[in-house]
Amino acid sequence: MGINRRPDGKLVGDVAFAEAAAKASYITPVPGGVGPMTIAMLLRNTLSAASLSGAAGA
């Protein structure tokens, strides 16, 4: 899973979406894929870890 920025500034995925979509069971486009959910879960886990370590109340 990955994204790249072309010289013209456009974000593109690391696979040929049209060809992969014909064969893959699940695929999300770039931009607009699963990135926002990944970031949300990372933030949630970070806050949970801070809370468990006692850092939130320090």
C-alpha atoms as a PDB file:
ATOM      1  CA  MET A   1       0.000   0.000   0.000  1.00  0.00           C
ATOM      2  CA  GLY A   2       1.427   3.336  -0.935  1.00  0.00           C
ATOM      3  CA  ILE A   3       1.027   6.633  -2.673  1.00  0.00           C
ATOM      4  CA  ASN A   4       3.337   8.747  -4.745  1.00  0.00           C
ATOM      5  CA  ARG A   5       3.293  12.366  -5.859  1.00  0.00           C
ATOM      6  CA  ARG A   6       4.005  12.910  -9.546  1.00  0.00           C
ATOM      7  CA  PRO A   7       6.088  15.891 -10.709  1.00  0.00           C
ATOM      8  CA  ASP A   8       2.848  17.711 -11.589  1.00  0.00           C
ATOM      9  CA  GLY A   9       1.730  17.385  -7.931  1.00  0.00           C
ATOM     10  CA  LYS A  10      -0.988  14.768  -8.500  1.00  0.00           C
ATOM     11  CA  LEU A  11      -1.262  11.920  -5.978  1.00  0.00           C
ATOM     12  CA  VAL A  12      -1.288   8.452  -7.515  1.00  0.00           C
ATOM     13  CA  GLY A  13      -1.405   4.955  -6.082  1.00  0.00           C
ATOM     14  CA  ASP A  14       1.216   2.245  -6.414  1.00  0.00           C
ATOM     15  CA  VAL A  15      -0.890   0.031  -8.703  1.00  0.00           C
ATOM     16  CA  ALA A  16      -2.733   0.480 -11.989  1.00  0.00           C
ATOM     17  CA  PHE A  17      -6.189   0.940 -10.438  1.00  0.00           C
ATOM     18  CA  ALA A  18      -8.336   0.022 -13.468  1.00  0.00           C
ATOM     19  CA  GLU A  19      -6.460  -3.221 -14.132  1.00  0.00           C
ATOM     20  CA  ALA A  20      -6.250  -4.215 -10.456  1.00  0.00           C
ATOM     21  CA  ALA A  21      -9.942  -3.461  -9.831  1.00  0.00           C
ATOM     22  CA  ALA A  22     -10.890  -6.073 -12.419  1.00  0.00           C
ATOM     23  CA  LYS A  23      -9.029  -8.778 -10.448  1.00  0.00           C
ATOM     24  CA  ALA A  24      -9.050  -7.656  -6.803  1.00  0.00           C
ATOM     25  CA  SER A  25     -11.898  -8.397  -4.414  1.00  0.00           C
ATOM     26  CA  TYR A  26     -11.412  -5.074  -2.587  1.00  0.00           C
ATOM     27  CA  ILE A  27      -9.512  -1.990  -3.688  1.00  0.00           C
ATOM     28  CA  THR A  28      -9.718   1.686  -2.766  1.00  0.00           C
ATOM     29  CA  PRO A  29      -8.691   4.597  -4.965  1.00  0.00           C
ATOM     30  CA  VAL A  30      -5.997   7.176  -4.201  1.00  0.00           C
ATOM     31  CA  PRO A  31      -6.694   9.824  -3.050  1.00  0.00           C
ATOM     32  CA  GLY A  32      -9.704   8.994  -0.901  1.00  0.00           C
ATOM     33  CA  GLY A  33      -8.652   5.493   0.093  1.00  0.00           C
ATOM     34  CA  VAL A  34      -8.164   4.134   3.592  1.00  0.00           C
ATOM     35  CA  GLY A  35      -5.596   6.745   4.665  1.00  0.00           C
ATOM     36  CA  PRO A  36      -7.984   8.776   6.846  1.00  0.00           C
ATOM     37  CA  MET A  37      -9.057   5.622   8.718  1.00  0.00           C
ATOM     38  CA  THR A  38      -5.424   4.589   9.193  1.00  0.00           C
ATOM     39  CA  ILE A  39      -4.604   7.995  10.685  1.00  0.00           C
ATOM     40  CA  ALA A  40      -7.670   7.904  12.951  1.00  0.00           C
ATOM     41  CA  MET A  41      -6.739   4.472  14.319  1.00  0.00           C
ATOM     42  CA  LEU A  42      -3.106   5.516  14.824  1.00  0.00           C
ATOM     43  CA  LEU A  43      -4.243   8.561  16.817  1.00  0.00           C
ATOM     44  CA  ARG A  44      -6.667   6.438  18.851  1.00  0.00           C
ATOM     45  CA  ASN A  45      -3.949   3.924  19.705  1.00  0.00           C
ATOM     46  CA  THR A  46      -1.516   6.716  20.606  1.00  0.00           C
ATOM     47  CA  LEU A  47      -4.034   8.281  22.989  1.00  0.00           C
ATOM     48  CA  SER A  48      -4.843   4.882  24.518  1.00  0.00           C
ATOM     49  CA  ALA A  49      -1.144   4.177  25.087  1.00  0.00           C
ATOM     50  CA  ALA A  50      -0.639   7.594  26.696  1.00  0.00           C
ATOM     51  CA  SER A  51      -3.620   7.030  28.968  1.00  0.00           C
ATOM     52  CA  LEU A  52      -2.424   3.582  30.029  1.00  0.00           C
ATOM     53  CA  SER A  53       1.075   4.881  30.756  1.00  0.00           C
ATOM     54  CA  GLY A  54      -0.234   7.674  32.953  1.00  0.00           C
ATOM     55  CA  ALA A  55       1.231  10.339  30.666  1.00  0.00           C
ATOM     56  CA  ALA A  56      -2.165  11.943  30.130  1.00  0.00           C
ATOM     57  CA  GLY A  57      -2.428  12.945  33.791  1.00  0.00           C
ATOM     58  CA  ALA A  58       1.162  14.118  34.193  1.00  0.00           C
END
